[in-house]
Protein backbone atom coordinates (compact mmCIF):
# COMPACT_ATOMS: atom_id res chain seq x y z
CA MET A 1 0.27 0.07 0.45
CA ALA A 2 1.00 3.38 -0.89
CA GLU A 3 2.45 5.14 1.94
CA SER A 4 -0.32 8.89 2.09
CA THR A 5 2.05 11.06 2.97
CA PRO A 6 5.86 11.96 1.84
CA THR A 7 8.80 10.87 4.66
CA PRO A 8 11.17 14.05 3.74
CA THR A 9 14.81 13.59 4.41
CA THR A 10 17.28 15.32 3.72
CA THR A 11 21.37 15.97 2.14
CA PRO A 12 23.54 17.90 1.99
CA THR A 13 22.23 19.23 -1.31
CA SER A 14 19.33 18.50 -2.28
CA THR A 15 16.11 17.40 -0.55
CA HIS A 16 14.93 14.10 -1.85
CA TRP A 17 11.15 12.01 -0.57
CA GLN A 18 10.88 8.68 0.31
CA ARG A 19 7.80 6.66 -0.64
CA THR A 20 6.77 3.51 -1.98
CA THR A 21 4.10 2.67 -4.67
CA ARG A 22 0.72 0.41 -4.51
CA GLY A 23 3.68 -2.37 -6.14
CA GLY A 24 5.76 -2.72 -3.32
CA VAL A 25 8.80 -0.30 -5.23
CA GLN A 26 10.51 2.10 -3.25
CA LEU A 27 11.74 6.07 -5.01
CA LEU A 28 13.18 8.31 -3.85
CA ILE A 29 11.31 11.61 -5.04
CA ARG A 30 14.39 14.54 -5.31
CA ALA A 31 14.04 17.90 -7.51
CA ALA A 32 15.36 18.36 -11.09
CA ARG A 33 19.11 19.95 -10.54
CA PRO A 34 20.28 21.48 -14.06
CA GLU A 35 23.52 18.98 -14.21
CA ASP A 36 20.73 16.17 -13.85
CA GLU A 37 20.18 16.34 -18.02
CA SER A 38 21.66 13.20 -18.39
CA VAL A 39 20.39 11.55 -15.49
CA LEU A 40 16.76 12.98 -17.91
CA GLU A 41 18.44 11.47 -21.23
CA ASP A 42 18.69 8.05 -20.26
CA LEU A 43 15.41 8.21 -18.36
CA PHE A 44 13.27 9.60 -21.96
CA ARG A 45 15.50 6.67 -24.24
CA ASN A 46 13.87 4.03 -21.90
CA VAL A 47 10.28 5.14 -22.82
CA SER A 48 7.88 4.34 -25.27
CA PRO A 49 7.12 5.94 -28.13
CA GLU A 50 3.81 5.48 -27.57
CA ASP A 51 4.11 6.69 -24.12
CA LEU A 52 7.13 9.94 -25.48
CA ARG A 53 3.71 11.16 -28.20
CA PHE A 54 1.34 10.96 -24.85
CA ARG A 55 3.43 12.85 -23.03
CA PHE A 56 4.57 15.87 -26.13
CA LEU A 57 0.81 14.88 -27.27
CA SER A 58 2.88 14.34 -30.94
CA ALA A 59 4.61 12.06 -32.56
CA VAL A 60 8.55 11.93 -31.60
CA ALA A 61 11.17 10.03 -31.59
CA HIS A 62 13.06 11.47 -28.63
CA VAL A 63 13.07 13.87 -26.41
CA SER A 64 15.15 16.39 -27.63
CA PRO A 65 17.98 18.98 -25.95
CA GLU A 66 16.58 22.12 -24.87
CA GLN A 67 13.07 19.56 -24.16
CA ILE A 68 15.62 18.39 -20.98
CA ARG A 69 16.76 21.79 -20.19
CA ARG A 70 13.37 23.13 -19.21
CA MET A 71 12.43 20.24 -17.28
CA THR A 72 16.18 21.10 -15.11
CA HIS A 73 16.11 24.64 -15.42
CA VAL A 74 13.02 25.53 -14.09
CA ASP A 75 12.31 28.70 -11.94
CA HIS A 76 10.38 27.14 -9.49
CA GLN A 77 7.78 29.74 -8.65
CA SER A 78 6.32 29.19 -12.13
CA ALA A 79 7.55 25.46 -12.29
CA GLU A 80 8.64 22.36 -10.53
CA SER A 81 9.97 19.86 -11.79
CA TRP A 82 11.37 15.70 -10.37
CA ILE A 83 12.55 12.92 -11.25
CA ALA A 84 11.37 9.33 -9.04
CA LEU A 85 14.80 6.85 -8.32
CA LEU A 86 15.08 3.68 -7.51
CA SER A 87 16.11 3.60 -3.46
CA ASP A 88 18.75 2.54 -5.23
CA GLY A 89 19.18 6.16 -5.37
CA GLU A 90 20.72 5.54 -9.48
CA THR A 91 18.33 4.04 -11.81
CA PRO A 92 16.28 7.10 -12.58
CA VAL A 93 12.16 5.23 -13.66
CA ALA A 94 9.42 8.63 -13.40
CA SER A 95 9.50 11.90 -13.90
CA ALA A 96 6.72 14.66 -13.31
CA LEU A 97 6.66 18.64 -13.79
CA LEU A 98 3.71 20.47 -12.25
CA ALA A 99 3.53 24.28 -14.58
CA ARG A 100 1.08 26.87 -12.26
CA ASP A 101 -0.74 29.22 -14.94
CA PRO A 102 0.56 32.79 -14.56
CA SER A 103 -2.63 33.46 -11.58
CA GLY A 104 -1.18 30.66 -9.55
CA SER A 105 -4.81 28.50 -8.40
CA ARG A 106 -3.99 26.17 -11.72
CA ALA A 107 -1.28 23.77 -12.42
CA GLU A 108 -0.97 21.50 -15.31
CA VAL A 109 0.26 18.32 -14.35
CA ALA A 110 2.84 15.96 -17.01
CA ILE A 111 4.29 12.35 -16.08
CA SER A 112 6.73 9.64 -17.65
CA VAL A 113 7.67 6.65 -16.59
CA ARG A 114 10.27 4.03 -17.42
CA SER A 115 8.44 1.29 -19.59
CA ASP A 116 9.77 -1.28 -18.18
CA HIS A 117 9.36 -0.24 -14.65
CA ARG A 118 5.50 -0.19 -16.20
CA GLN A 119 2.24 -1.71 -14.18
CA ARG A 120 3.91 -1.00 -10.83
CA GLY A 121 2.60 1.94 -9.52
CA ILE A 122 5.02 4.27 -9.95
CA GLY A 123 2.45 6.80 -12.27
CA TRP A 124 -0.38 6.13 -9.69
CA GLU A 125 2.34 7.34 -6.86
CA MET A 126 4.58 10.06 -8.74
CA LEU A 127 0.78 11.73 -9.44
CA ALA A 128 0.24 11.04 -5.54
CA PHE A 129 3.20 13.01 -4.80
CA VAL A 130 3.38 16.07 -6.87
CA ALA A 131 -1.40 17.17 -6.08
CA GLU A 132 0.62 17.54 -2.28
CA GLN A 133 3.08 19.64 -3.71
CA ALA A 134 0.95 21.24 -5.89
CA LYS A 135 -1.74 21.56 -3.57
CA ALA A 136 0.99 22.75 -0.77
CA ARG A 137 1.87 25.18 -3.29
CA GLY A 138 -1.50 26.63 -3.20
CA ILE A 139 -2.94 25.91 -6.38
CA GLU A 140 -6.38 24.89 -6.76
CA VAL A 141 -6.88 22.77 -9.14
CA ILE A 142 -4.35 20.21 -10.87
CA GLU A 143 -5.22 19.08 -14.86
CA SER A 144 -3.46 17.84 -17.12
CA VAL A 145 -4.13 17.31 -21.59
CA GLU A 146 -4.68 13.12 -22.44
CA SER A 147 -4.93 11.64 -25.50
CA ARG A 148 -7.50 9.24 -24.78
CA ASP A 149 -5.07 6.82 -25.62
CA ASN A 150 -3.89 6.44 -22.70
CA ARG A 151 -5.70 4.13 -21.20
CA ALA A 152 -3.99 3.44 -18.05
CA ALA A 153 -2.98 7.19 -17.36
CA LEU A 154 -6.74 7.58 -17.85
CA GLN A 155 -7.97 4.89 -15.79
CA VAL A 156 -5.46 6.59 -13.36
CA GLU A 157 -6.15 9.59 -12.88
CA ARG A 158 -10.15 8.48 -12.85
CA ASP A 159 -9.05 6.41 -9.32
CA MET A 160 -7.92 9.16 -8.37
CA ASN A 161 -11.11 11.56 -8.88
CA PHE A 162 -9.82 13.33 -11.17
CA THR A 163 -13.63 14.63 -13.94
CA PHE A 164 -13.28 15.04 -17.45
CA GLN A 165 -14.17 17.38 -20.03
CA ASP A 166 -14.27 17.15 -24.13
CA LEU A 167 -11.16 19.70 -25.45
CA PRO A 168 -13.66 21.96 -27.56
CA GLY A 169 -11.99 21.14 -31.42
CA ASP A 170 -10.25 17.82 -30.48
CA PRO A 171 -11.83 14.63 -30.47
CA THR A 172 -9.12 13.64 -29.84
CA LEU A 173 -8.19 14.29 -26.26
CA VAL A 174 -9.92 15.98 -22.83
CA LEU A 175 -8.76 17.63 -20.36
CA VAL A 176 -8.00 16.01 -16.96
CA SER A 177 -8.62 18.14 -13.51
CA LYS A 178 -8.78 17.06 -10.03
CA ARG A 179 -10.09 20.30 -7.60
CA LEU A 180 -7.22 20.71 -4.49
CA SER A 181 -7.71 21.80 -0.60
CA SER A 182 -7.00 25.62 -1.23
CA ALA A 183 -4.03 25.66 0.50
CA ARG A 184 -5.08 29.87 0.54
CA ASN A 185 -9.10 29.37 2.30
């Protein structure tokens, strides 16, 4: 069973959150740093082409250096990027991005899981982690534009009580969102 709250552990250079997925995978989650470009390159080399299409909503053969740079050089006010590593602290298995809108009340979520670690609860745990982080930052709604073909992600979001809304102008996409208890109240 997944832990309901993260257990922060502090190292001299950064904060890590320890999480255990429903499938028993122990994760160390930490903010992506500028020196993590090669870590994310490794992760995305091991994400299936279909999952890359779902993450970036376009056919991409690989994640470009500029896309990796945007995930490792964030301003921490409008966006945050995390990397999940196995408990060995070496093997990257997931990436999550939270991008806040200018009002600060809404944020978009994007998550990728390494192909050989899917179906182990990592995506679920990352989405729960990002929702907790968003709530702590005062974000009221998290959302994601999903391909209707991304059945695994849609099922996770359905299980986590996200709402679904047709995306005007594109019947292949759906907007999923979840209202968080406002931290501003």
